[in-house]
PDB file of N, CA and C in Angstrom:
ATOM      1  N   MET A   1      15.828 -14.609  -6.595  1.00  0.00           N
ATOM      2  CA  MET A   1      14.899 -13.589  -6.231  1.00  0.00           C
ATOM      3  C   MET A   1      14.653 -13.624  -4.750  1.00  0.00           C
ATOM      4  N   ALA A   2      14.696 -12.519  -4.111  1.00  0.00           N
ATOM      5  CA  ALA A   2      14.463 -12.465  -2.637  1.00  0.00           C
ATOM      6  C   ALA A   2      13.010 -12.559  -2.299  1.00  0.00           C
ATOM      7  N   THR A   3      12.748 -13.161  -1.142  1.00  0.00           N
ATOM      8  CA  THR A   3      11.419 -13.293  -0.608  1.00  0.00           C
ATOM      9  C   THR A   3      11.015 -11.939  -0.005  1.00  0.00           C
ATOM     10  N   PRO A   4       9.765 -11.479  -0.303  1.00  0.00           N
ATOM     11  CA  PRO A   4       9.365 -10.154   0.279  1.00  0.00           C
ATOM     12  C   PRO A   4       9.214 -10.233   1.799  1.00  0.00           C
ATOM     13  N   ARG A   5       9.492  -9.085   2.446  1.00  0.00           N
ATOM     14  CA  ARG A   5       9.284  -8.994   3.893  1.00  0.00           C
ATOM     15  C   ARG A   5       7.765  -8.758   4.142  1.00  0.00           C
ATOM     16  N   LEU A   6       7.229  -9.561   5.061  1.00  0.00           N
ATOM     17  CA  LEU A   6       5.811  -9.464   5.331  1.00  0.00           C
ATOM     18  C   LEU A   6       5.651  -9.093   6.829  1.00  0.00           C
ATOM     19  N   ARG A   7       4.563  -8.332   7.103  1.00  0.00           N
ATOM     20  CA  ARG A   7       4.227  -7.986   8.492  1.00  0.00           C
ATOM     21  C   ARG A   7       2.734  -8.287   8.658  1.00  0.00           C
ATOM     22  N   ALA A   8       2.361  -8.571   9.867  1.00  0.00           N
ATOM     23  CA  ALA A   8       0.944  -8.865  10.143  1.00  0.00           C
ATOM     24  C   ALA A   8       0.388  -7.988  11.227  1.00  0.00           C
ATOM     25  N   THR A   9      -0.883  -7.640  11.095  1.00  0.00           N
ATOM     26  CA  THR A   9      -1.583  -6.875  12.100  1.00  0.00           C
ATOM     27  C   THR A   9      -2.028  -7.819  13.215  1.00  0.00           C
ATOM     28  N   GLU A  10      -2.593  -7.261  14.269  1.00  0.00           N
ATOM     29  CA  GLU A  10      -3.110  -8.061  15.373  1.00  0.00           C
ATOM     30  C   GLU A  10      -4.188  -9.082  14.910  1.00  0.00           C
ATOM     31  N   SER A  11      -4.947  -8.707  13.900  1.00  0.00           N
ATOM     32  CA  SER A  11      -5.982  -9.619  13.438  1.00  0.00           C
ATOM     33  C   SER A  11      -5.477 -10.765  12.563  1.00  0.00           C
ATOM     34  N   GLY A  12      -4.168 -10.695  12.170  1.00  0.00           N
ATOM     35  CA  GLY A  12      -3.591 -11.752  11.349  1.00  0.00           C
ATOM     36  C   GLY A  12      -3.501 -11.391   9.858  1.00  0.00           C
ATOM     37  N   GLN A  13      -4.014 -10.231   9.497  1.00  0.00           N
ATOM     38  CA  GLN A  13      -3.871  -9.809   8.119  1.00  0.00           C
ATOM     39  C   GLN A  13      -2.436  -9.572   7.763  1.00  0.00           C
ATOM     40  N   VAL A  14      -1.937 -10.028   6.616  1.00  0.00           N
ATOM     41  CA  VAL A  14      -0.547  -9.976   6.249  1.00  0.00           C
ATOM     42  C   VAL A  14      -0.327  -8.956   5.149  1.00  0.00           C
ATOM     43  N   TYR A  15       0.677  -8.116   5.271  1.00  0.00           N
ATOM     44  CA  TYR A  15       0.963  -7.073   4.294  1.00  0.00           C
ATOM     45  C   TYR A  15       2.403  -7.142   3.883  1.00  0.00           C
ATOM     46  N   ASN A  16       2.659  -6.863   2.590  1.00  0.00           N
ATOM     47  CA  ASN A  16       3.997  -6.849   2.015  1.00  0.00           C
ATOM     48  C   ASN A  16       4.572  -5.493   2.180  1.00  0.00           C
ATOM     49  N   ILE A  17       5.689  -5.389   2.912  1.00  0.00           N
ATOM     50  CA  ILE A  17       6.296  -4.075   3.093  1.00  0.00           C
ATOM     51  C   ILE A  17       7.374  -3.736   2.091  1.00  0.00           C
ATOM     52  N   ASP A  18       7.588  -4.655   1.094  1.00  0.00           N
ATOM     53  CA  ASP A  18       8.589  -4.414   0.051  1.00  0.00           C
ATOM     54  C   ASP A  18       7.920  -4.014  -1.278  1.00  0.00           C
ATOM     55  N   LEU A  19       6.708  -3.585  -1.218  1.00  0.00           N
ATOM     56  CA  LEU A  19       6.096  -3.126  -2.519  1.00  0.00           C
ATOM     57  C   LEU A  19       6.852  -1.889  -2.971  1.00  0.00           C
ATOM     58  N   PRO A  20       6.940  -1.705  -4.308  1.00  0.00           N
ATOM     59  CA  PRO A  20       7.755  -0.552  -4.821  1.00  0.00           C
ATOM     60  C   PRO A  20       7.046   0.803  -4.552  1.00  0.00           C
ATOM     61  N   GLU A  21       5.781   0.787  -4.413  1.00  0.00           N
ATOM     62  CA  GLU A  21       5.002   2.015  -4.142  1.00  0.00           C
ATOM     63  C   GLU A  21       4.288   1.880  -2.796  1.00  0.00           C
ATOM     64  N   LEU A  22       4.026   2.970  -2.105  1.00  0.00           N
ATOM     65  CA  LEU A  22       3.209   2.940  -0.878  1.00  0.00           C
ATOM     66  C   LEU A  22       1.771   2.694  -1.187  1.00  0.00           C
ATOM     67  N   LYS A  23       1.131   1.889  -0.335  1.00  0.00           N
ATOM     68  CA  LYS A  23      -0.240   1.514  -0.526  1.00  0.00           C
ATOM     69  C   LYS A  23      -0.952   1.636   0.865  1.00  0.00           C
ATOM     70  N   VAL A  24      -2.186   2.117   0.805  1.00  0.00           N
ATOM     71  CA  VAL A  24      -3.021   2.155   2.064  1.00  0.00           C
ATOM     72  C   VAL A  24      -4.097   1.081   1.835  1.00  0.00           C
ATOM     73  N   THR A  25      -4.151   0.163   2.842  1.00  0.00           N
ATOM     74  CA  THR A  25      -5.119  -0.940   2.755  1.00  0.00           C
ATOM     75  C   THR A  25      -5.901  -0.935   4.097  1.00  0.00           C
ATOM     76  N   ARG A  26      -7.209  -1.218   3.957  1.00  0.00           N
ATOM     77  CA  ARG A  26      -8.058  -1.279   5.155  1.00  0.00           C
ATOM     78  C   ARG A  26      -8.104  -2.698   5.627  1.00  0.00           C
ATOM     79  N   ASP A  27      -7.787  -2.880   6.934  1.00  0.00           N
ATOM     80  CA  ASP A  27      -7.897  -4.174   7.598  1.00  0.00           C
ATOM     81  C   ASP A  27      -9.336  -4.317   8.094  1.00  0.00           C
ATOM     82  N   ASP A  28     -10.099  -5.087   7.414  1.00  0.00           N
ATOM     83  CA  ASP A  28     -11.500  -5.240   7.701  1.00  0.00           C
ATOM     84  C   ASP A  28     -11.846  -5.775   9.104  1.00  0.00           C
ATOM     85  N   VAL A  29     -10.954  -6.619   9.632  1.00  0.00           N
ATOM     86  CA  VAL A  29     -11.175  -7.214  10.948  1.00  0.00           C
ATOM     87  C   VAL A  29     -10.989  -6.177  12.031  1.00  0.00           C
ATOM     88  N   ASP A  30      -9.828  -5.521  12.055  1.00  0.00           N
ATOM     89  CA  ASP A  30      -9.492  -4.512  13.046  1.00  0.00           C
ATOM     90  C   ASP A  30     -10.153  -3.159  12.792  1.00  0.00           C
ATOM     91  N   GLY A  31     -10.509  -2.873  11.534  1.00  0.00           N
ATOM     92  CA  GLY A  31     -11.005  -1.570  11.184  1.00  0.00           C
ATOM     93  C   GLY A  31      -9.958  -0.476  11.134  1.00  0.00           C
ATOM     94  N   ILE A  32      -8.724  -0.902  10.987  1.00  0.00           N
ATOM     95  CA  ILE A  32      -7.614   0.102  10.875  1.00  0.00           C
ATOM     96  C   ILE A  32      -7.181   0.175   9.430  1.00  0.00           C
ATOM     97  N   TYR A  33      -6.343   1.192   9.167  1.00  0.00           N
ATOM     98  CA  TYR A  33      -5.790   1.407   7.872  1.00  0.00           C
ATOM     99  C   TYR A  33      -4.261   1.155   7.972  1.00  0.00           C
ATOM    100  N   VAL A  34      -3.735   0.413   7.036  1.00  0.00           N
ATOM    101  CA  VAL A  34      -2.311   0.072   7.035  1.00  0.00           C
ATOM    102  C   VAL A  34      -1.626   0.677   5.847  1.00  0.00           C
ATOM    103  N   LEU A  35      -0.524   1.432   6.093  1.00  0.00           N
ATOM    104  CA  LEU A  35       0.298   2.017   5.071  1.00  0.00           C
ATOM    105  C   LEU A  35       1.479   1.076   4.983  1.00  0.00           C
ATOM    106  N   HIS A  36       1.674   0.545   3.784  1.00  0.00           N
ATOM    107  CA  HIS A  36       2.766  -0.413   3.605  1.00  0.00           C
ATOM    108  C   HIS A  36       3.420  -0.280   2.215  1.00  0.00           C
ATOM    109  N   GLY A  37       4.650  -0.696   2.143  1.00  0.00           N
ATOM    110  CA  GLY A  37       5.418  -0.620   0.892  1.00  0.00           C
ATOM    111  C   GLY A  37       6.645   0.214   1.095  1.00  0.00           C
ATOM    112  N   ARG A  38       7.670  -0.030   0.271  1.00  0.00           N
ATOM    113  CA  ARG A  38       8.929   0.673   0.316  1.00  0.00           C
ATOM    114  C   ARG A  38       9.594   0.650   1.713  1.00  0.00           C
ATOM    115  N   GLY A  39       9.385  -0.453   2.425  1.00  0.00           N
ATOM    116  CA  GLY A  39       9.968  -0.616   3.771  1.00  0.00           C
ATOM    117  C   GLY A  39       9.119  -0.091   4.891  1.00  0.00           C
ATOM    118  N   TYR A  40       7.973   0.455   4.602  1.00  0.00           N
ATOM    119  CA  TYR A  40       7.098   1.057   5.703  1.00  0.00           C
ATOM    120  C   TYR A  40       6.020   0.084   6.032  1.00  0.00           C
ATOM    121  N   PHE A  41       5.651   0.118   7.292  1.00  0.00           N
ATOM    122  CA  PHE A  41       4.498  -0.614   7.825  1.00  0.00           C
ATOM    123  C   PHE A  41       3.963   0.187   9.010  1.00  0.00           C
ATOM    124  N   GLN A  42       2.916   0.993   8.800  1.00  0.00           N
ATOM    125  CA  GLN A  42       2.344   1.814   9.841  1.00  0.00           C
ATOM    126  C   GLN A  42       0.867   1.619   9.847  1.00  0.00           C
ATOM    127  N   THR A  43       0.264   1.659  11.073  1.00  0.00           N
ATOM    128  CA  THR A  43      -1.204   1.525  11.172  1.00  0.00           C
ATOM    129  C   THR A  43      -1.793   2.862  11.646  1.00  0.00           C
ATOM    130  N   PHE A  44      -3.034   3.124  11.177  1.00  0.00           N
ATOM    131  CA  PHE A  44      -3.756   4.354  11.524  1.00  0.00           C
ATOM    132  C   PHE A  44      -5.195   4.025  11.803  1.00  0.00           C
ATOM    133  N   THR A  45      -5.879   4.878  12.621  1.00  0.00           N
ATOM    134  CA  THR A  45      -7.257   4.613  12.955  1.00  0.00           C
ATOM    135  C   THR A  45      -8.171   5.241  11.907  1.00  0.00           C
ATOM    136  N   SER A  46      -7.679   6.210  11.118  1.00  0.00           N
ATOM    137  CA  SER A  46      -8.513   6.791  10.089  1.00  0.00           C
ATOM    138  C   SER A  46      -7.850   6.832   8.723  1.00  0.00           C
ATOM    139  N   ARG A  47      -8.672   6.769   7.689  1.00  0.00           N
ATOM    140  CA  ARG A  47      -8.188   6.794   6.328  1.00  0.00           C
ATOM    141  C   ARG A  47      -7.445   8.097   6.029  1.00  0.00           C
ATOM    142  N   GLU A  48      -7.950   9.192   6.542  1.00  0.00           N
ATOM    143  CA  GLU A  48      -7.341  10.502   6.294  1.00  0.00           C
ATOM    144  C   GLU A  48      -5.901  10.549   6.879  1.00  0.00           C
ATOM    145  N   GLU A  49      -5.718  10.011   8.095  1.00  0.00           N
ATOM    146  CA  GLU A  49      -4.370   9.976   8.670  1.00  0.00           C
ATOM    147  C   GLU A  49      -3.422   9.170   7.846  1.00  0.00           C
ATOM    148  N   ALA A  50      -3.861   8.025   7.323  1.00  0.00           N
ATOM    149  CA  ALA A  50      -3.052   7.191   6.578  1.00  0.00           C
ATOM    150  C   ALA A  50      -2.617   7.836   5.255  1.00  0.00           C
ATOM    151  N   PHE A  51      -3.584   8.507   4.573  1.00  0.00           N
ATOM    152  CA  PHE A  51      -3.204   9.160   3.278  1.00  0.00           C
ATOM    153  C   PHE A  51      -2.409  10.419   3.513  1.00  0.00           C
ATOM    154  N   GLU A  52      -2.589  11.097   4.648  1.00  0.00           N
ATOM    155  CA  GLU A  52      -1.736  12.250   4.950  1.00  0.00           C
ATOM    156  C   GLU A  52      -0.268  11.813   5.153  1.00  0.00           C
ATOM    157  N   ARG A  53      -0.104  10.711   5.855  1.00  0.00           N
ATOM    158  CA  ARG A  53       1.273  10.185   6.100  1.00  0.00           C
ATOM    159  C   ARG A  53       1.879   9.715   4.771  1.00  0.00           C
ATOM    160  N   LYS A  54       1.074   9.047   3.975  1.00  0.00           N
ATOM    161  CA  LYS A  54       1.562   8.607   2.613  1.00  0.00           C
ATOM    162  C   LYS A  54       2.056   9.835   1.812  1.00  0.00           C
ATOM    163  N   LYS A  55       1.276  10.888   1.841  1.00  0.00           N
ATOM    164  CA  LYS A  55       1.618  12.089   1.116  1.00  0.00           C
ATOM    165  C   LYS A  55       2.942  12.680   1.648  1.00  0.00           C
ATOM    166  N   GLU A  56       3.105  12.701   2.978  1.00  0.00           N
ATOM    167  CA  GLU A  56       4.328  13.204   3.573  1.00  0.00           C
ATOM    168  C   GLU A  56       5.551  12.443   3.106  1.00  0.00           C
ATOM    169  N   ILE A  57       5.394  11.092   3.117  1.00  0.00           N
ATOM    170  CA  ILE A  57       6.520  10.216   2.706  1.00  0.00           C
ATOM    171  C   ILE A  57       6.802  10.371   1.244  1.00  0.00           C
ATOM    172  N   ASP A  58       5.765  10.440   0.429  1.00  0.00           N
ATOM    173  CA  ASP A  58       5.955  10.605  -1.026  1.00  0.00           C
ATOM    174  C   ASP A  58       6.720  11.914  -1.312  1.00  0.00           C
ATOM    175  N   TYR A  59       6.297  13.024  -0.682  1.00  0.00           N
ATOM    176  CA  TYR A  59       6.954  14.273  -0.920  1.00  0.00           C
ATOM    177  C   TYR A  59       8.404  14.322  -0.445  1.00  0.00           C
ATOM    178  N   SER A  60       8.651  13.649   0.705  1.00  0.00           N
ATOM    179  CA  SER A  60      10.035  13.686   1.233  1.00  0.00           C
ATOM    180  C   SER A  60      10.955  12.822   0.486  1.00  0.00           C
ATOM    181  N   THR A  61      10.457  11.822  -0.215  1.00  0.00           N
ATOM    182  CA  THR A  61      11.299  10.929  -0.994  1.00  0.00           C
ATOM    183  C   THR A  61      11.080  11.085  -2.495  1.00  0.00           C
ATOM    184  N   PHE A  62      10.525  12.204  -2.925  1.00  0.00           N
ATOM    185  CA  PHE A  62      10.281  12.451  -4.362  1.00  0.00           C
ATOM    186  C   PHE A  62      11.566  12.348  -5.126  1.00  0.00           C
ATOM    187  N   ARG A  63      11.444  11.637  -6.264  1.00  0.00           N
ATOM    188  CA  ARG A  63      12.682  11.423  -7.067  1.00  0.00           C
ATOM    189  C   ARG A  63      12.610  12.236  -8.318  1.00  0.00           C
TER     190      ARG A  63
END
Protein backbone atom coordinates (compact mmCIF):
# COMPACT_ATOMS: atom_id res chain seq x y z
CA MET A 1 0.00 0.00 0.00
CA ALA A 2 1.36 3.40 -0.98
CA THR A 3 1.94 6.13 1.56
CA PRO A 4 -0.39 9.12 1.06
CA ARG A 5 1.07 12.40 -0.17
CA LEU A 6 0.91 15.05 2.53
CA ARG A 7 1.25 18.84 2.32
CA ALA A 8 1.61 21.35 5.11
CA THR A 9 0.46 24.95 5.46
CA GLU A 10 2.70 27.70 6.85
CA SER A 11 1.35 27.01 10.35
CA GLY A 12 2.40 23.36 10.15
CA GLN A 13 -1.06 21.82 9.72
CA VAL A 14 -0.74 18.69 7.55
CA TYR A 15 -3.28 17.69 4.91
CA ASN A 16 -3.66 14.50 2.87
CA ILE A 17 -3.89 15.36 -0.84
CA ASP A 18 -4.65 11.76 -1.86
CA LEU A 19 -8.15 11.60 -0.34
CA PRO A 20 -10.64 10.08 -2.83
CA GLU A 21 -13.01 13.05 -2.46
CA LEU A 22 -12.29 16.76 -2.19
CA LYS A 23 -12.52 18.19 1.30
CA VAL A 24 -12.45 21.76 2.63
CA THR A 25 -10.78 22.10 6.03
CA ARG A 26 -10.23 25.24 8.12
CA ASP A 27 -6.71 25.79 9.36
CA ASP A 28 -7.40 27.27 12.80
CA VAL A 29 -3.92 28.71 13.25
CA ASP A 30 -3.70 30.61 9.94
CA GLY A 31 -7.44 31.19 9.58
CA ILE A 32 -7.35 29.94 6.00
CA TYR A 33 -9.39 27.27 4.25
CA VAL A 34 -7.63 24.37 2.56
CA LEU A 35 -9.10 22.40 -0.34
CA HIS A 36 -7.41 19.01 -0.48
CA GLY A 37 -7.93 15.56 -1.93
CA ARG A 38 -7.74 13.90 -5.37
CA GLY A 39 -4.30 15.45 -5.90
CA TYR A 40 -5.36 19.01 -5.05
CA PHE A 41 -3.95 21.28 -2.37
CA GLN A 42 -5.15 24.88 -2.56
CA THR A 43 -5.55 27.55 0.10
CA PHE A 44 -8.23 30.26 0.28
CA THR A 45 -8.94 33.21 2.54
CA SER A 46 -12.71 32.61 2.65
CA ARG A 47 -14.92 29.58 3.01
CA GLU A 48 -17.05 30.67 0.04
CA GLU A 49 -14.01 30.79 -2.29
CA ALA A 50 -12.94 27.31 -1.22
CA PHE A 51 -16.38 25.77 -1.76
CA GLU A 52 -16.80 27.57 -5.11
CA ARG A 53 -13.50 26.08 -6.32
CA LYS A 54 -14.53 22.64 -4.99
CA LYS A 55 -17.76 22.90 -6.96
CA GLU A 56 -15.87 23.89 -10.14
CA ILE A 57 -13.53 20.91 -9.82
CA ASP A 58 -16.37 18.51 -9.01
CA TYR A 59 -18.35 19.62 -12.08
CA SER A 60 -15.36 19.51 -14.41
CA THR A 61 -14.42 15.98 -13.31
CA PHE A 62 -17.96 14.60 -12.91
CA ARG A 63 -18.01 10.89 -13.67
